[in-house]
C-alpha atoms as a PDB file:
ATOM      1  CA  PHE A   1     -91.759 -12.764-162.647  1.00  0.00           C
ATOM      2  CA  ALA A   2     -89.310 -10.055-160.798  1.00  0.00           C
ATOM      3  CA  ALA A   3     -92.393  -8.323-159.323  1.00  0.00           C
ATOM      4  CA  LEU A   4     -93.941 -11.530-158.117  1.00  0.00           C
ATOM      5  CA  HIS A   5     -90.318 -12.436-156.635  1.00  0.00           C
ATOM      6  CA  SER A   6     -90.138  -9.022-154.951  1.00  0.00           C
ATOM      7  CA  TYR A   7     -93.451  -9.127-153.560  1.00  0.00           C
ATOM      8  CA  LEU A   8     -93.192 -12.915-152.131  1.00  0.00           C
ATOM      9  CA  LYS A   9     -89.659 -12.660-150.864  1.00  0.00           C
ATOM     10  CA  PRO A  10     -88.984 -16.364-150.918  1.00  0.00           C
ATOM     11  CA  PHE A  11     -85.446 -16.021-148.711  1.00  0.00           C
ATOM     12  CA  ASP A  12     -85.107 -15.867-145.276  1.00  0.00           C
ATOM     13  CA  SER A  13     -82.547 -13.001-145.580  1.00  0.00           C
ATOM     14  CA  PRO A  14     -83.527  -9.715-146.742  1.00  0.00           C
ATOM     15  CA  ASN A  15     -80.381  -9.154-148.278  1.00  0.00           C
ATOM     16  CA  MET A  16     -80.492 -12.366-150.378  1.00  0.00           C
ATOM     17  CA  ASN A  17     -83.995 -11.221-151.400  1.00  0.00           C
ATOM     18  CA  ARG A  18     -82.670  -7.814-152.397  1.00  0.00           C
ATOM     19  CA  LEU A  19     -79.707  -9.535-154.238  1.00  0.00           C
ATOM     20  CA  VAL A  20     -82.190 -11.824-156.292  1.00  0.00           C
ATOM     21  CA  THR A  21     -84.450  -9.152-157.184  1.00  0.00           C
ATOM     22  CA  LEU A  22     -81.585  -7.009-158.459  1.00  0.00           C
ATOM     23  CA  VAL A  23     -80.430 -10.235-160.667  1.00  0.00           C
ATOM     24  CA  LEU A  24     -83.980 -10.690-161.786  1.00  0.00           C
ATOM     25  CA  ILE A  25     -84.446  -6.885-163.072  1.00  0.00           C
ATOM     26  CA  ILE A  26     -80.749  -7.356-164.737  1.00  0.00           C
ATOM     27  CA  LEU A  27     -82.047 -10.362-166.761  1.00  0.00           C
ATOM     28  CA  VAL A  28     -85.189  -8.404-167.535  1.00  0.00           C
ATOM     29  CA  LEU A  29     -82.833  -5.536-169.023  1.00  0.00           C
ATOM     30  CA  ASN A  30     -80.775  -7.859-170.925  1.00  0.00           C
ATOM     31  CA  TYR A  31     -83.582  -9.266-172.569  1.00  0.00           C
ATOM     32  CA  LEU A  32     -85.221  -6.035-173.267  1.00  0.00           C
ATOM     33  CA  CYS A  33     -81.902  -4.799-174.704  1.00  0.00           C
ATOM     34  CA  LEU A  34     -81.231  -8.065-176.883  1.00  0.00           C
ATOM     35  CA  MET A  35     -84.877  -7.779-178.362  1.00  0.00           C
ATOM     36  CA  VAL A  36     -84.381  -4.352-179.371  1.00  0.00           C
ATOM     37  CA  LEU A  37     -81.129  -5.134-180.825  1.00  0.00           C
ATOM     38  CA  PHE A  38     -82.698  -8.104-182.738  1.00  0.00           C
ATOM     39  CA  ALA A  39     -85.534  -6.410-183.891  1.00  0.00           C
ATOM     40  CA  ASP A  40     -83.358  -3.355-185.035  1.00  0.00           C
ATOM     41  CA  GLN A  41     -81.051  -5.336-187.187  1.00  0.00           C
ATOM     42  CA  ASN A  42     -84.043  -7.263-188.700  1.00  0.00           C
ATOM     43  CA  MET A  43     -86.131  -4.433-189.856  1.00  0.00           C
ATOM     44  CA  ASP A  44     -86.072  -3.357-193.613  1.00  0.00           C
ATOM     45  CA  ASP A  45     -87.527   0.290-192.904  1.00  0.00           C
ATOM     46  CA  ASP A  46     -84.643   2.592-191.875  1.00  0.00           C
ATOM     47  CA  ASP A  47     -87.502   5.042-190.318  1.00  0.00           C
ATOM     48  CA  ALA A  48     -88.542   2.362-187.980  1.00  0.00           C
ATOM     49  CA  LYS A  49     -85.120   1.760-186.884  1.00  0.00           C
ATOM     50  CA  THR A  50     -84.145   3.047-183.480  1.00  0.00           C
ATOM     51  CA  GLY A  51     -80.768   4.717-184.662  1.00  0.00           C
ATOM     52  CA  LEU A  52     -79.050   3.314-181.350  1.00  0.00           C
ATOM     53  CA  ARG A  53     -75.629   2.006-181.980  1.00  0.00           C
ATOM     54  CA  LEU A  54     -74.701  -1.546-181.109  1.00  0.00           C
ATOM     55  CA  SER A  55     -71.888  -0.396-178.995  1.00  0.00           C
ATOM     56  CA  ASP A  56     -74.238   1.701-176.814  1.00  0.00           C
ATOM     57  CA  PHE A  57     -76.331  -1.531-175.987  1.00  0.00           C
ATOM     58  CA  GLY A  58     -72.853  -3.249-175.689  1.00  0.00           C
ATOM     59  CA  LEU A  59     -71.678  -1.050-172.806  1.00  0.00           C
ATOM     60  CA  VAL A  60     -75.065  -1.066-170.836  1.00  0.00           C
ATOM     61  CA  LEU A  61     -74.950  -4.999-170.991  1.00  0.00           C
ATOM     62  CA  LEU A  62     -71.371  -5.081-169.977  1.00  0.00           C
ATOM     63  CA  VAL A  63     -71.846  -2.444-167.066  1.00  0.00           C
ATOM     64  CA  LEU A  64     -74.891  -4.451-166.036  1.00  0.00           C
ATOM     65  CA  ASN A  65     -73.456  -8.059-166.097  1.00  0.00           C
ATOM     66  CA  VAL A  66     -69.546  -7.380-165.000  1.00  0.00           C
ATOM     67  CA  VAL A  67     -70.044  -4.634-162.775  1.00  0.00           C
ATOM     68  CA  VAL A  68     -73.446  -4.390-161.059  1.00  0.00           C
ATOM     69  CA  ALA A  69     -74.340  -8.011-160.590  1.00  0.00           C
ATOM     70  CA  PRO A  70     -70.557  -9.033-158.950  1.00  0.00           C
ATOM     71  CA  VAL A  71     -70.491  -5.972-156.711  1.00  0.00           C
ATOM     72  CA  ALA A  72     -73.829  -6.524-155.447  1.00  0.00           C
ATOM     73  CA  ALA A  73     -73.141 -10.319-154.847  1.00  0.00           C
ATOM     74  CA  LEU A  74     -69.989  -9.466-153.161  1.00  0.00           C
ATOM     75  CA  VAL A  75     -71.695  -6.980-150.863  1.00  0.00           C
ATOM     76  CA  THR A  76     -74.303  -9.330-150.077  1.00  0.00           C
ATOM     77  CA  ILE A  77     -71.623 -12.020-149.340  1.00  0.00           C
ATOM     78  CA  VAL A  78     -70.044  -9.638-146.961  1.00  0.00           C
ATOM     79  CA  VAL A  79     -72.997  -8.653-144.997  1.00  0.00           C
ATOM     80  CA  GLU A  80     -74.404 -12.731-145.061  1.00  0.00           C
ATOM     81  CA  SER A  81     -71.079 -13.581-143.543  1.00  0.00           C
ATOM     82  CA  GLY A  82     -71.194 -10.874-140.695  1.00  0.00           C
ATOM     83  CA  ALA A  83     -67.648  -9.810-141.440  1.00  0.00           C
ATOM     84  CA  ASP A  84     -68.400  -6.190-141.407  1.00  0.00           C
ATOM     85  CA  THR A  85     -70.106  -6.801-137.997  1.00  0.00           C
ATOM     86  CA  ARG A  86     -67.249  -8.573-136.426  1.00  0.00           C
ATOM     87  CA  ALA A  87     -64.758  -5.856-137.813  1.00  0.00           C
ATOM     88  CA  ARG A  88     -66.842  -3.110-136.132  1.00  0.00           C
ATOM     89  CA  LYS A  89     -66.873  -5.357-132.998  1.00  0.00           C
ATOM     90  CA  MET A  90     -63.298  -5.556-132.946  1.00  0.00           C
ATOM     91  CA  LEU A  91     -62.408  -1.781-133.655  1.00  0.00           C
ATOM     92  CA  ARG A  92     -65.136  -0.910-130.657  1.00  0.00           C
ATOM     93  CA  ALA A  93     -63.069  -3.548-128.435  1.00  0.00           C
ATOM     94  CA  ARG A  94     -59.559  -2.359-129.735  1.00  0.00           C
ATOM     95  CA  ALA A  95     -60.721   1.550-128.761  1.00  0.00           C
ATOM     96  CA  LYS A  96     -62.216   0.464-125.502  1.00  0.00           C
ATOM     97  CA  ALA A  97     -59.022  -1.179-124.351  1.00  0.00           C
ATOM     98  CA  ALA A  98     -56.893   1.620-125.412  1.00  0.00           C
ATOM     99  CA  LYS A  99     -59.310   3.974-123.617  1.00  0.00           C
ATOM    100  CA  GLN A 100     -58.987   1.877-120.364  1.00  0.00           C
ATOM    101  CA  GLN A 101     -55.179   1.552-120.666  1.00  0.00           C
ATOM    102  CA  ALA A 102     -54.391   5.467-121.246  1.00  0.00           C
ATOM    103  CA  PRO A 103     -53.912   7.227-117.863  1.00  0.00           C
ATOM    104  CA  PRO A 104     -56.416   9.799-117.278  1.00  0.00           C
ATOM    105  CA  GLN A 105     -55.748  13.347-118.468  1.00  0.00           C
ATOM    106  CA  LYS A 106     -55.965  15.820-115.479  1.00  0.00           C
ATOM    107  CA  LYS A 107     -57.856  18.872-116.246  1.00  0.00           C
ATOM    108  CA  PRO A 108     -55.878  22.124-115.821  1.00  0.00           C
ATOM    109  CA  GLN A 109     -57.549  24.121-112.851  1.00  0.00           C
ATOM    110  CA  VAL A 110     -58.218  27.706-114.041  1.00  0.00           C
ATOM    111  CA  PRO A 111     -57.295  30.225-111.297  1.00  0.00           C
END
């Protein structure tokens, strides 16, 4: 489903398409981690188990769901709102106004 979504790009904004694709990839990784954990817990044969600790998978799931997804959403909100563009325009306007108000500097003449 994530591959189909990234191919079709259903949203008007490319930033929103990237965010939703990232969230879908995170969901797939969540399901994969949970299936591995479930299979590992329910296996009777010790040789067939993965040997991975629950804390390793917990850390991966925590980073994916608590760090990556919210940061990506925040970046998308800022880019979609145009706040970064407005801030750059304001800084350029201030620099231009300061440049116009500053007296021109005379170049020293070399004899």
